[in-house]
Amino acid sequence: MSEIRKPFASIMQTVVILMLLLSMILVAQQISIKIYKFGLIMLIISVILQIGFGNIPPTANFTKSIKLLLIIFAIIISVFLLGIILAPVFVKFVMGG
């Protein structure tokens, strides 16, 4: 009997959704600040991964998923860097300096 395997991207999308749910539960708990901090870091990581894997077709294999993920992360990093570089320019422009 041959086993039907799910594509890598589909599995990772499920894992990332579960990470998001778990991290939200950890942030919402009121027992420990350490658990809260861990949940917050996990939430940040899982949101960034969700941005990447959410834009990859679920049928993509491992190689295609990693290639697309690297492209998506390069775009995300570029947008953040552009915002960091341009923010002082826009502030100076608005303040009339």
Protein backbone atom coordinates (compact mmCIF):
# COMPACT_ATOMS: atom_id res chain seq x y z
CA MET A 1 0.00 0.00 0.00
CA SER A 2 1.55 3.31 -1.03
CA GLU A 3 1.51 6.15 1.44
CA ILE A 4 0.26 9.53 0.20
CA ARG A 5 2.44 12.26 1.65
CA LYS A 6 1.35 15.85 2.03
CA PRO A 7 3.57 18.47 0.39
CA PHE A 8 6.08 20.26 2.64
CA ALA A 9 4.38 23.67 2.34
CA SER A 10 1.03 22.23 3.40
CA ILE A 11 2.56 20.61 6.48
CA MET A 12 4.42 23.81 7.41
CA GLN A 13 1.29 25.93 7.06
CA THR A 14 -0.46 23.66 9.54
CA VAL A 15 2.52 23.76 11.94
CA VAL A 16 2.67 27.57 11.77
CA ILE A 17 -1.06 27.89 12.49
CA LEU A 18 -0.64 25.62 15.53
CA MET A 19 2.34 27.73 16.66
CA LEU A 20 0.20 30.87 16.37
CA LEU A 21 -2.56 29.33 18.47
CA LEU A 22 -0.16 28.06 21.13
CA SER A 23 1.67 31.38 21.31
CA MET A 24 -1.61 33.28 21.77
CA ILE A 25 -2.56 30.93 24.60
CA LEU A 26 0.84 31.48 26.24
CA VAL A 27 0.50 35.27 25.94
CA ALA A 28 -3.06 35.20 27.32
CA GLN A 29 -2.19 33.18 30.43
CA GLN A 30 -1.75 35.11 33.70
CA ILE A 31 0.34 32.65 35.70
CA SER A 32 3.94 33.45 34.78
CA ILE A 33 5.75 36.39 33.19
CA LYS A 34 8.37 33.95 31.83
CA ILE A 35 5.69 31.99 29.99
CA TYR A 36 4.27 35.29 28.70
CA LYS A 37 7.68 36.41 27.38
CA PHE A 38 8.28 33.02 25.72
CA GLY A 39 4.80 33.19 24.16
CA LEU A 40 5.46 36.71 22.88
CA ILE A 41 8.73 35.69 21.22
CA MET A 42 7.02 32.62 19.78
CA LEU A 43 4.19 34.83 18.48
CA ILE A 44 6.61 37.17 16.70
CA ILE A 45 8.44 34.25 15.09
CA SER A 46 5.26 32.47 14.06
CA VAL A 47 3.75 35.67 12.57
CA ILE A 48 6.87 36.18 10.43
CA LEU A 49 6.76 32.53 9.36
CA GLN A 50 3.05 32.86 8.58
CA ILE A 51 3.73 35.83 6.31
CA GLY A 52 6.19 33.64 4.43
CA PHE A 53 4.41 30.29 4.34
CA GLY A 54 0.99 31.91 3.89
CA ASN A 55 2.13 33.12 0.47
CA ILE A 56 3.54 29.79 -0.70
CA PRO A 57 1.24 27.41 -2.60
CA PRO A 58 0.33 24.43 -0.37
CA THR A 59 1.41 22.07 -3.14
CA ALA A 60 5.04 23.27 -3.10
CA ASN A 61 7.74 20.75 -2.25
CA PHE A 62 10.64 21.42 0.14
CA THR A 63 13.00 22.98 -2.42
CA LYS A 64 10.39 25.26 -3.96
CA SER A 65 9.12 26.25 -0.49
CA ILE A 66 12.58 27.27 0.72
CA LYS A 67 13.29 29.24 -2.49
CA LEU A 68 10.00 31.12 -2.23
CA LEU A 69 10.46 31.64 1.51
CA LEU A 70 13.88 33.23 0.95
CA ILE A 71 12.43 35.55 -1.69
CA ILE A 72 9.54 36.53 0.58
CA PHE A 73 11.88 37.16 3.54
CA ALA A 74 14.14 39.28 1.31
CA ILE A 75 11.11 41.40 0.39
CA ILE A 76 10.04 41.72 4.05
CA ILE A 77 13.55 42.74 5.12
CA SER A 78 13.76 45.25 2.26
CA VAL A 79 10.46 46.87 3.25
CA PHE A 80 11.53 47.16 6.90
CA LEU A 81 14.95 48.58 5.96
CA LEU A 82 13.38 51.04 3.56
CA GLY A 83 11.02 52.18 6.32
CA ILE A 84 13.90 52.61 8.77
CA ILE A 85 15.92 54.59 6.23
CA LEU A 86 13.03 56.77 5.03
CA ALA A 87 11.39 57.53 8.40
CA PRO A 88 13.90 60.27 9.37
CA VAL A 89 13.66 61.77 5.88
CA PHE A 90 9.87 61.98 6.10
CA VAL A 91 9.99 63.40 9.65
CA LYS A 92 12.41 66.07 8.52
CA PHE A 93 10.21 66.80 5.51
CA VAL A 94 7.05 67.12 7.63
CA MET A 95 8.76 69.25 10.29
CA GLY A 96 10.05 71.58 7.62
CA GLY A 97 13.72 71.05 8.35
